[in-house]
């Protein structure tokens, strides 16, 4: 049981790390695509690459909602309103 749980956690963590790397790469291509120093051809190419990374990003979240859940797991407990809290008010 512990081995299954650890393996599952490792897979979730690997998805999370891959997702973060994808986000950082997407941000870098966006910044480079906006850089006025680069020739226009390079900026167009980087903009197209950025759009591709953005599409992959959306596909990752759509096909693996667990990635999004892992990213927001810290705030889930804080944001939940428990029924007992509402009754006490």
PDB file of N, CA and C in Angstrom:
ATOM      1  N   UNK A   1       0.831  -1.194   0.000  1.00  0.00           N
ATOM      2  CA  UNK A   1       0.000   0.000   0.000  1.00  0.00           C
ATOM      3  C   UNK A   1       0.875   1.257   0.000  1.00  0.00           C
ATOM      4  N   UNK A   2       1.885   1.256   0.856  1.00  0.00           N
ATOM      5  CA  UNK A   2       2.765   2.423   0.943  1.00  0.00           C
ATOM      6  C   UNK A   2       3.524   2.626  -0.361  1.00  0.00           C
ATOM      7  N   UNK A   3       3.932   1.510  -0.980  1.00  0.00           N
ATOM      8  CA  UNK A   3       4.651   1.614  -2.251  1.00  0.00           C
ATOM      9  C   UNK A   3       3.756   2.218  -3.332  1.00  0.00           C
ATOM     10  N   UNK A   4       2.482   1.812  -3.373  1.00  0.00           N
ATOM     11  CA  UNK A   4       1.538   2.376  -4.338  1.00  0.00           C
ATOM     12  C   UNK A   4       1.352   3.868  -4.098  1.00  0.00           C
ATOM     13  N   UNK A   5       1.183   4.231  -2.838  1.00  0.00           N
ATOM     14  CA  UNK A   5       0.969   5.635  -2.479  1.00  0.00           C
ATOM     15  C   UNK A   5       2.185   6.473  -2.841  1.00  0.00           C
ATOM     16  N   UNK A   6       3.373   5.972  -2.547  1.00  0.00           N
ATOM     17  CA  UNK A   6       4.603   6.694  -2.870  1.00  0.00           C
ATOM     18  C   UNK A   6       4.759   6.832  -4.374  1.00  0.00           C
ATOM     19  N   UNK A   7       4.479   5.757  -5.111  1.00  0.00           N
ATOM     20  CA  UNK A   7       4.593   5.796  -6.567  1.00  0.00           C
ATOM     21  C   UNK A   7       3.599   6.808  -7.150  1.00  0.00           C
ATOM     22  N   UNK A   8       2.387   6.809  -6.627  1.00  0.00           N
ATOM     23  CA  UNK A   8       1.370   7.754  -7.093  1.00  0.00           C
ATOM     24  C   UNK A   8       1.809   9.187  -6.807  1.00  0.00           C
ATOM     25  N   UNK A   9       2.350   9.420  -5.617  1.00  0.00           N
ATOM     26  CA  UNK A   9       2.808  10.758  -5.253  1.00  0.00           C
ATOM     27  C   UNK A   9       3.951  11.199  -6.162  1.00  0.00           C
ATOM     28  N   UNK A  10       4.865  10.267  -6.470  1.00  0.00           N
ATOM     29  CA  UNK A  10       5.991  10.596  -7.351  1.00  0.00           C
ATOM     30  C   UNK A  10       5.498  10.959  -8.746  1.00  0.00           C
ATOM     31  N   UNK A  11       4.514  10.224  -9.257  1.00  0.00           N
ATOM     32  CA  UNK A  11       3.966  10.550 -10.572  1.00  0.00           C
ATOM     33  C   UNK A  11       3.320  11.924 -10.558  1.00  0.00           C
ATOM     34  N   UNK A  12       2.577  12.227  -9.497  1.00  0.00           N
ATOM     35  CA  UNK A  12       1.956  13.548  -9.386  1.00  0.00           C
ATOM     36  C   UNK A  12       3.033  14.635  -9.352  1.00  0.00           C
ATOM     37  N   UNK A  13       4.079  14.404  -8.587  1.00  0.00           N
ATOM     38  CA  UNK A  13       5.139  15.400  -8.462  1.00  0.00           C
ATOM     39  C   UNK A  13       5.852  15.598  -9.796  1.00  0.00           C
ATOM     40  N   UNK A  14       6.101  14.497 -10.525  1.00  0.00           N
ATOM     41  CA  UNK A  14       6.747  14.606 -11.837  1.00  0.00           C
ATOM     42  C   UNK A  14       5.878  15.391 -12.809  1.00  0.00           C
ATOM     43  N   UNK A  15       4.567  15.168 -12.775  1.00  0.00           N
ATOM     44  CA  UNK A  15       3.661  15.945 -13.623  1.00  0.00           C
ATOM     45  C   UNK A  15       3.735  17.418 -13.254  1.00  0.00           C
ATOM     46  N   UNK A  16       3.769  17.702 -11.957  1.00  0.00           N
ATOM     47  CA  UNK A  16       3.816  19.081 -11.480  1.00  0.00           C
ATOM     48  C   UNK A  16       5.101  19.768 -11.937  1.00  0.00           C
ATOM     49  N   UNK A  17       6.244  19.083 -11.802  1.00  0.00           N
ATOM     50  CA  UNK A  17       7.527  19.651 -12.219  1.00  0.00           C
ATOM     51  C   UNK A  17       7.531  19.880 -13.729  1.00  0.00           C
ATOM     52  N   UNK A  18       7.047  18.910 -14.490  1.00  0.00           N
ATOM     53  CA  UNK A  18       6.992  19.064 -15.946  1.00  0.00           C
ATOM     54  C   UNK A  18       6.105  20.241 -16.328  1.00  0.00           C
ATOM     55  N   UNK A  19       5.003  20.400 -15.625  1.00  0.00           N
ATOM     56  CA  UNK A  19       4.080  21.499 -15.891  1.00  0.00           C
ATOM     57  C   UNK A  19       4.746  22.839 -15.585  1.00  0.00           C
ATOM     58  N   UNK A  20       5.493  22.908 -14.504  1.00  0.00           N
ATOM     59  CA  UNK A  20       6.196  24.150 -14.154  1.00  0.00           C
ATOM     60  C   UNK A  20       7.268  24.478 -15.194  1.00  0.00           C
ATOM     61  N   UNK A  21       8.005  23.474 -15.646  1.00  0.00           N
ATOM     62  CA  UNK A  21       9.023  23.700 -16.681  1.00  0.00           C
ATOM     63  C   UNK A  21       8.360  24.205 -17.955  1.00  0.00           C
ATOM     64  N   UNK A  22       7.221  23.630 -18.298  1.00  0.00           N
ATOM     65  CA  UNK A  22       6.480  24.081 -19.476  1.00  0.00           C
ATOM     66  C   UNK A  22       6.049  25.535 -19.316  1.00  0.00           C
ATOM     67  N   UNK A  23       5.573  25.904 -18.129  1.00  0.00           N
ATOM     68  CA  UNK A  23       5.161  27.288 -17.888  1.00  0.00           C
ATOM     69  C   UNK A  23       6.336  28.253 -17.989  1.00  0.00           C
ATOM     70  N   UNK A  24       7.477  27.884 -17.436  1.00  0.00           N
ATOM     71  CA  UNK A  24       8.656  28.753 -17.481  1.00  0.00           C
ATOM     72  C   UNK A  24       9.145  28.903 -18.918  1.00  0.00           C
ATOM     73  N   UNK A  25       9.164  27.808 -19.677  1.00  0.00           N
ATOM     74  CA  UNK A  25       9.574  27.868 -21.082  1.00  0.00           C
ATOM     75  C   UNK A  25       8.626  28.752 -21.878  1.00  0.00           C
ATOM     76  N   UNK A  26       7.351  28.637 -21.587  1.00  0.00           N
ATOM     77  CA  UNK A  26       6.337  29.455 -22.252  1.00  0.00           C
ATOM     78  C   UNK A  26       6.591  30.937 -21.958  1.00  0.00           C
ATOM     79  N   UNK A  27       6.887  31.256 -20.717  1.00  0.00           N
ATOM     80  CA  UNK A  27       7.153  32.644 -20.327  1.00  0.00           C
ATOM     81  C   UNK A  27       8.412  33.180 -21.007  1.00  0.00           C
ATOM     82  N   UNK A  28       9.459  32.376 -21.064  1.00  0.00           N
ATOM     83  CA  UNK A  28      10.709  32.808 -21.703  1.00  0.00           C
ATOM     84  C   UNK A  28      10.499  33.075 -23.188  1.00  0.00           C
ATOM     85  N   UNK A  29       9.768  32.190 -23.874  1.00  0.00           N
ATOM     86  CA  UNK A  29       9.532  32.424 -25.306  1.00  0.00           C
ATOM     87  C   UNK A  29       8.680  33.664 -25.526  1.00  0.00           C
ATOM     88  N   UNK A  30       7.757  33.937 -24.604  1.00  0.00           N
ATOM     89  CA  UNK A  30       6.942  35.141 -24.740  1.00  0.00           C
ATOM     90  C   UNK A  30       7.809  36.391 -24.594  1.00  0.00           C
ATOM     91  N   UNK A  31       8.678  36.404 -23.597  1.00  0.00           N
ATOM     92  CA  UNK A  31       9.545  37.569 -23.370  1.00  0.00           C
ATOM     93  C   UNK A  31      10.493  37.763 -24.545  1.00  0.00           C
ATOM     94  N   UNK A  32      11.099  36.678 -25.022  1.00  0.00           N
ATOM     95  CA  UNK A  32      12.008  36.794 -26.168  1.00  0.00           C
ATOM     96  C   UNK A  32      11.267  37.205 -27.437  1.00  0.00           C
ATOM     97  N   UNK A  33      10.024  36.756 -27.574  1.00  0.00           N
ATOM     98  CA  UNK A  33       9.232  37.131 -28.738  1.00  0.00           C
ATOM     99  C   UNK A  33       8.883  38.608 -28.759  1.00  0.00           C
ATOM    100  N   UNK A  34       8.872  39.233 -27.599  1.00  0.00           N
ATOM    101  CA  UNK A  34       8.567  40.663 -27.510  1.00  0.00           C
ATOM    102  C   UNK A  34       9.824  41.534 -27.536  1.00  0.00           C
ATOM    103  N   UNK A  35      11.001  40.919 -27.494  1.00  0.00           N
ATOM    104  CA  UNK A  35      12.254  41.682 -27.439  1.00  0.00           C
ATOM    105  C   UNK A  35      12.490  42.437 -28.749  1.00  0.00           C
ATOM    106  N   UNK A  36      12.648  43.762 -28.679  1.00  0.00           N
ATOM    107  CA  UNK A  36      12.860  44.538 -29.909  1.00  0.00           C
ATOM    108  C   UNK A  36      14.258  44.347 -30.506  1.00  0.00           C
ATOM    109  N   UNK A  37      15.169  43.730 -29.768  1.00  0.00           N
ATOM    110  CA  UNK A  37      16.544  43.533 -30.239  1.00  0.00           C
ATOM    111  C   UNK A  37      16.588  42.483 -31.351  1.00  0.00           C
ATOM    112  N   UNK A  38      15.734  41.479 -31.257  1.00  0.00           N
ATOM    113  CA  UNK A  38      15.745  40.380 -32.227  1.00  0.00           C
ATOM    114  C   UNK A  38      15.143  40.814 -33.559  1.00  0.00           C
ATOM    115  N   UNK A  39      15.615  40.207 -34.642  1.00  0.00           N
ATOM    116  CA  UNK A  39      15.003  40.492 -35.951  1.00  0.00           C
ATOM    117  C   UNK A  39      13.542  40.030 -35.972  1.00  0.00           C
ATOM    118  N   UNK A  40      12.781  40.611 -36.872  1.00  0.00           N
ATOM    119  CA  UNK A  40      11.348  40.322 -36.912  1.00  0.00           C
ATOM    120  C   UNK A  40      11.055  38.850 -37.190  1.00  0.00           C
ATOM    121  N   UNK A  41      11.877  38.204 -38.018  1.00  0.00           N
ATOM    122  CA  UNK A  41      11.650  36.789 -38.319  1.00  0.00           C
ATOM    123  C   UNK A  41      11.744  35.936 -37.056  1.00  0.00           C
ATOM    124  N   UNK A  42      12.745  36.248 -36.220  1.00  0.00           N
ATOM    125  CA  UNK A  42      12.920  35.505 -34.982  1.00  0.00           C
ATOM    126  C   UNK A  42      11.752  35.747 -34.037  1.00  0.00           C
ATOM    127  N   UNK A  43      11.288  36.985 -33.985  1.00  0.00           N
ATOM    128  CA  UNK A  43      10.172  37.301 -33.089  1.00  0.00           C
ATOM    129  C   UNK A  43       8.904  36.578 -33.528  1.00  0.00           C
ATOM    130  N   UNK A  44       8.674  36.501 -34.843  1.00  0.00           N
ATOM    131  CA  UNK A  44       7.499  35.776 -35.341  1.00  0.00           C
ATOM    132  C   UNK A  44       7.621  34.294 -35.002  1.00  0.00           C
ATOM    133  N   UNK A  45       8.808  33.731 -35.206  1.00  0.00           N
ATOM    134  CA  UNK A  45       9.032  32.319 -34.893  1.00  0.00           C
ATOM    135  C   UNK A  45       8.814  32.049 -33.401  1.00  0.00           C
ATOM    136  N   UNK A  46       9.371  32.910 -32.554  1.00  0.00           N
ATOM    137  CA  UNK A  46       9.203  32.729 -31.113  1.00  0.00           C
ATOM    138  C   UNK A  46       7.746  32.905 -30.696  1.00  0.00           C
ATOM    139  N   UNK A  47       7.035  33.805 -31.353  1.00  0.00           N
ATOM    140  CA  UNK A  47       5.613  33.977 -31.043  1.00  0.00           C
ATOM    141  C   UNK A  47       4.826  32.722 -31.403  1.00  0.00           C
ATOM    142  N   UNK A  48       5.162  32.106 -32.529  1.00  0.00           N
ATOM    143  CA  UNK A  48       4.494  30.857 -32.911  1.00  0.00           C
ATOM    144  C   UNK A  48       4.829  29.726 -31.937  1.00  0.00           C
ATOM    145  N   UNK A  49       6.084  29.674 -31.508  1.00  0.00           N
ATOM    146  CA  UNK A  49       6.483  28.664 -30.519  1.00  0.00           C
ATOM    147  C   UNK A  49       5.733  28.898 -29.210  1.00  0.00           C
ATOM    148  N   UNK A  50       5.595  30.174 -28.825  1.00  0.00           N
ATOM    149  CA  UNK A  50       4.860  30.515 -27.607  1.00  0.00           C
ATOM    150  C   UNK A  50       3.408  30.045 -27.699  1.00  0.00           C
ATOM    151  N   UNK A  51       2.782  30.268 -28.846  1.00  0.00           N
ATOM    152  CA  UNK A  51       1.394  29.825 -29.027  1.00  0.00           C
ATOM    153  C   UNK A  51       1.312  28.299 -28.925  1.00  0.00           C
ATOM    154  N   UNK A  52       2.315  27.607 -29.470  1.00  0.00           N
ATOM    155  CA  UNK A  52       2.359  26.149 -29.357  1.00  0.00           C
ATOM    156  C   UNK A  52       2.498  25.694 -27.913  1.00  0.00           C
ATOM    157  N   UNK A  53       3.401  26.339 -27.161  1.00  0.00           N
ATOM    158  CA  UNK A  53       3.563  25.995 -25.746  1.00  0.00           C
ATOM    159  C   UNK A  53       2.284  26.280 -24.964  1.00  0.00           C
ATOM    160  N   UNK A  54       1.620  27.372 -25.297  1.00  0.00           N
ATOM    161  CA  UNK A  54       0.377  27.714 -24.618  1.00  0.00           C
ATOM    162  C   UNK A  54      -0.696  26.657 -24.890  1.00  0.00           C
ATOM    163  N   UNK A  55      -0.759  26.186 -26.128  1.00  0.00           N
ATOM    164  CA  UNK A  55      -1.723  25.133 -26.475  1.00  0.00           C
ATOM    165  C   UNK A  55      -1.410  23.845 -25.714  1.00  0.00           C
ATOM    166  N   UNK A  56      -0.136  23.493 -25.631  1.00  0.00           N
ATOM    167  CA  UNK A  56       0.265  22.296 -24.880  1.00  0.00           C
ATOM    168  C   UNK A  56      -0.098  22.460 -23.411  1.00  0.00           C
ATOM    169  N   UNK A  57       0.103  23.671 -22.890  1.00  0.00           N
ATOM    170  CA  UNK A  57      -0.228  23.974 -21.504  1.00  0.00           C
ATOM    171  C   UNK A  57      -1.711  23.729 -21.237  1.00  0.00           C
ATOM    172  N   UNK A  58      -2.571  24.252 -22.100  1.00  0.00           N
ATOM    173  CA  UNK A  58      -4.007  24.056 -21.923  1.00  0.00           C
ATOM    174  C   UNK A  58      -4.389  22.590 -22.064  1.00  0.00           C
ATOM    175  N   UNK A  59      -3.748  21.881 -22.991  1.00  0.00           N
ATOM    176  CA  UNK A  59      -4.038  20.460 -23.154  1.00  0.00           C
ATOM    177  C   UNK A  59      -3.629  19.664 -21.920  1.00  0.00           C
ATOM    178  N   UNK A  60      -2.505  20.039 -21.310  1.00  0.00           N
ATOM    179  CA  UNK A  60      -2.056  19.348 -20.097  1.00  0.00           C
ATOM    180  C   UNK A  60      -3.081  19.506 -18.981  1.00  0.00           C
ATOM    181  N   UNK A  61      -3.582  20.712 -18.800  1.00  0.00           N
ATOM    182  CA  UNK A  61      -4.558  20.941 -17.736  1.00  0.00           C
ATOM    183  C   UNK A  61      -5.876  20.244 -18.064  1.00  0.00           C
ATOM    184  N   UNK A  62      -6.249  20.231 -19.344  1.00  0.00           N
ATOM    185  CA  UNK A  62      -7.512  19.601 -19.732  1.00  0.00           C
ATOM    186  C   UNK A  62      -7.459  18.079 -19.598  1.00  0.00           C
ATOM    187  N   UNK A  63      -6.326  17.483 -19.939  1.00  0.00           N
ATOM    188  CA  UNK A  63      -6.239  16.022 -19.899  1.00  0.00           C
ATOM    189  C   UNK A  63      -5.804  15.486 -18.545  1.00  0.00           C
ATOM    190  N   UNK A  64      -5.105  16.293 -17.765  1.00  0.00           N
ATOM    191  CA  UNK A  64      -4.645  15.866 -16.438  1.00  0.00           C
ATOM    192  C   UNK A  64      -5.064  16.900 -15.404  1.00  0.00           C
ATOM    193  N   UNK A  65      -6.341  16.931 -15.016  1.00  0.00           N
ATOM    194  CA  UNK A  65      -6.767  17.925 -14.025  1.00  0.00           C
ATOM    195  C   UNK A  65      -6.063  17.743 -12.689  1.00  0.00           C
ATOM    196  N   UNK A  66      -5.461  16.572 -12.476  1.00  0.00           N
ATOM    197  CA  UNK A  66      -4.738  16.348 -11.225  1.00  0.00           C
ATOM    198  C   UNK A  66      -3.549  17.293 -11.101  1.00  0.00           C
ATOM    199  N   UNK A  67      -2.984  17.741 -12.226  1.00  0.00           N
ATOM    200  CA  UNK A  67      -1.880  18.706 -12.174  1.00  0.00           C
ATOM    201  C   UNK A  67      -2.367  19.986 -11.528  1.00  0.00           C
ATOM    202  N   UNK A  68      -3.526  20.437 -11.963  1.00  0.00           N
ATOM    203  CA  UNK A  68      -4.084  21.669 -11.411  1.00  0.00           C
ATOM    204  C   UNK A  68      -4.421  21.485  -9.939  1.00  0.00           C
ATOM    205  N   UNK A  69      -4.923  20.298  -9.565  1.00  0.00           N
ATOM    206  CA  UNK A  69      -5.245  20.030  -8.169  1.00  0.00           C
ATOM    207  C   UNK A  69      -3.996  20.020  -7.306  1.00  0.00           C
ATOM    208  N   UNK A  70      -2.896  19.477  -7.823  1.00  0.00           N
ATOM    209  CA  UNK A  70      -1.644  19.457  -7.064  1.00  0.00           C
ATOM    210  C   UNK A  70      -1.153  20.880  -6.857  1.00  0.00           C
ATOM    211  N   UNK A  71      -1.284  21.718  -7.882  1.00  0.00           N
ATOM    212  CA  UNK A  71      -0.802  23.089  -7.768  1.00  0.00           C
ATOM    213  C   UNK A  71      -1.602  23.878  -6.741  1.00  0.00           C
ATOM    214  N   UNK A  72      -2.892  23.612  -6.618  1.00  0.00           N
ATOM    215  CA  UNK A  72      -3.745  24.375  -5.719  1.00  0.00           C
ATOM    216  C   UNK A  72      -4.071  23.636  -4.434  1.00  0.00           C
ATOM    217  N   UNK A  73      -3.371  22.566  -4.126  1.00  0.00           N
ATOM    218  CA  UNK A  73      -3.705  21.768  -2.955  1.00  0.00           C
ATOM    219  C   UNK A  73      -3.447  22.521  -1.659  1.00  0.00           C
ATOM    220  N   UNK A  74      -2.526  23.473  -1.640  1.00  0.00           N
ATOM    221  CA  UNK A  74      -2.244  24.211  -0.418  1.00  0.00           C
ATOM    222  C   UNK A  74      -3.409  25.107  -0.023  1.00  0.00           C
ATOM    223  N   UNK A  75      -4.104  25.662  -0.994  1.00  0.00           N
ATOM    224  CA  UNK A  75      -5.155  26.623  -0.702  1.00  0.00           C
ATOM    225  C   UNK A  75      -6.523  25.984  -0.530  1.00  0.00           C
ATOM    226  N   UNK A  76      -6.661  24.710  -0.859  1.00  0.00           N
ATOM    227  CA  UNK A  76      -7.974  24.073  -0.807  1.00  0.00           C
ATOM    228  C   UNK A  76      -8.564  24.091   0.599  1.00  0.00           C
ATOM    229  N   UNK A  77      -7.777  23.735   1.581  1.00  0.00           N
ATOM    230  CA  UNK A  77      -8.296  23.661   2.938  1.00  0.00           C
ATOM    231  C   UNK A  77      -8.616  25.048   3.490  1.00  0.00           C
ATOM    232  N   UNK A  78      -7.849  26.041   3.114  1.00  0.00           N
ATOM    233  CA  UNK A  78      -8.081  27.392   3.620  1.00  0.00           C
ATOM    234  C   UNK A  78      -9.361  27.988   3.042  1.00  0.00           C
ATOM    235  N   UNK A  79      -9.651  27.679   1.781  1.00  0.00           N
ATOM    236  CA  UNK A  79     -10.784  28.293   1.099  1.00  0.00           C
ATOM    237  C   UNK A  79     -12.110  27.586   1.349  1.00  0.00           C
ATOM    238  N   UNK A  80     -12.073  26.377   1.862  1.00  0.00           N
ATOM    239  CA  UNK A  80     -13.311  25.640   2.077  1.00  0.00           C
ATOM    240  C   UNK A  80     -14.070  26.241   3.257  1.00  0.00           C
ATOM    241  N   UNK A  81     -15.360  26.407   3.080  1.00  0.00           N
ATOM    242  CA  UNK A  81     -16.214  26.862   4.173  1.00  0.00           C
ATOM    243  C   UNK A  81     -16.914  25.627   4.717  1.00  0.00           C
ATOM    244  N   UNK A  82     -16.667  25.359   5.966  1.00  0.00           N
ATOM    245  CA  UNK A  82     -17.267  24.185   6.579  1.00  0.00           C
ATOM    246  C   UNK A  82     -18.684  24.529   7.026  1.00  0.00           C
ATOM    247  N   UNK A  83     -19.613  23.582   6.940  1.00  0.00           N
ATOM    248  CA  UNK A  83     -20.998  23.862   7.341  1.00  0.00           C
ATOM    249  C   UNK A  83     -21.105  24.334   8.787  1.00  0.00           C
ATOM    250  N   UNK A  84     -20.231  23.839   9.644  1.00  0.00           N
ATOM    251  CA  UNK A  84     -20.276  24.264  11.047  1.00  0.00           C
ATOM    252  C   UNK A  84     -19.929  25.739  11.183  1.00  0.00           C
ATOM    253  N   UNK A  85     -19.026  26.229  10.337  1.00  0.00           N
ATOM    254  CA  UNK A  85     -18.645  27.638  10.396  1.00  0.00           C
ATOM    255  C   UNK A  85     -19.810  28.542  10.016  1.00  0.00           C
ATOM    256  N   UNK A  86     -20.598  28.125   9.024  1.00  0.00           N
ATOM    257  CA  UNK A  86     -21.733  28.936   8.591  1.00  0.00           C
ATOM    258  C   UNK A  86     -22.828  28.946   9.646  1.00  0.00           C
ATOM    259  N   UNK A  87     -23.029  27.823  10.334  1.00  0.00           N
ATOM    260  CA  UNK A  87     -24.073  27.758  11.355  1.00  0.00           C
ATOM    261  C   UNK A  87     -23.731  28.628  12.552  1.00  0.00           C
ATOM    262  N   UNK A  88     -22.460  28.743  12.854  1.00  0.00           N
ATOM    263  CA  UNK A  88     -22.039  29.519  14.016  1.00  0.00           C
ATOM    264  C   UNK A  88     -22.151  31.014  13.807  1.00  0.00           C
ATOM    265  N   UNK A  89     -22.231  31.456  12.571  1.00  0.00           N
ATOM    266  CA  UNK A  89     -22.267  32.901  12.298  1.00  0.00           C
ATOM    267  C   UNK A  89     -23.634  33.485  12.480  1.00  0.00           C
TER     268      UNK A  89
END
